[in-house]
Amino acid sequence: MVWASYPRAASPASHDDSMAAFANGGPSFAIQPVRQVNYGPLESKRYFVPALASSSEFAEVGEDKLIQANFEKLNS
């Protein structure tokens, strides 16, 4: 949960790790945390993928990058 809130002001395109994450076949999954209060409208929606295959760090990516990589949504 800590990595989901950091950094708030940076845009997904500013992360070098997000581009590296899609190199060599790309990640096999993405995480989408959302903020919604009392069944109201979604206040925030962000996307994260594993930054590197050998690390436990995540990088934020934009929704357009996931669409280009042909990701499918799975609710769990």
Foldseek 3Di string as FASTA:
>chain_A
DVLVPPPPPDDLVVDPLVVVQPPPPHAPDKDWDWDDPPPDDTPDIWIWGCSDPPDPDIGTDDPVVCVVSVDDDDDD
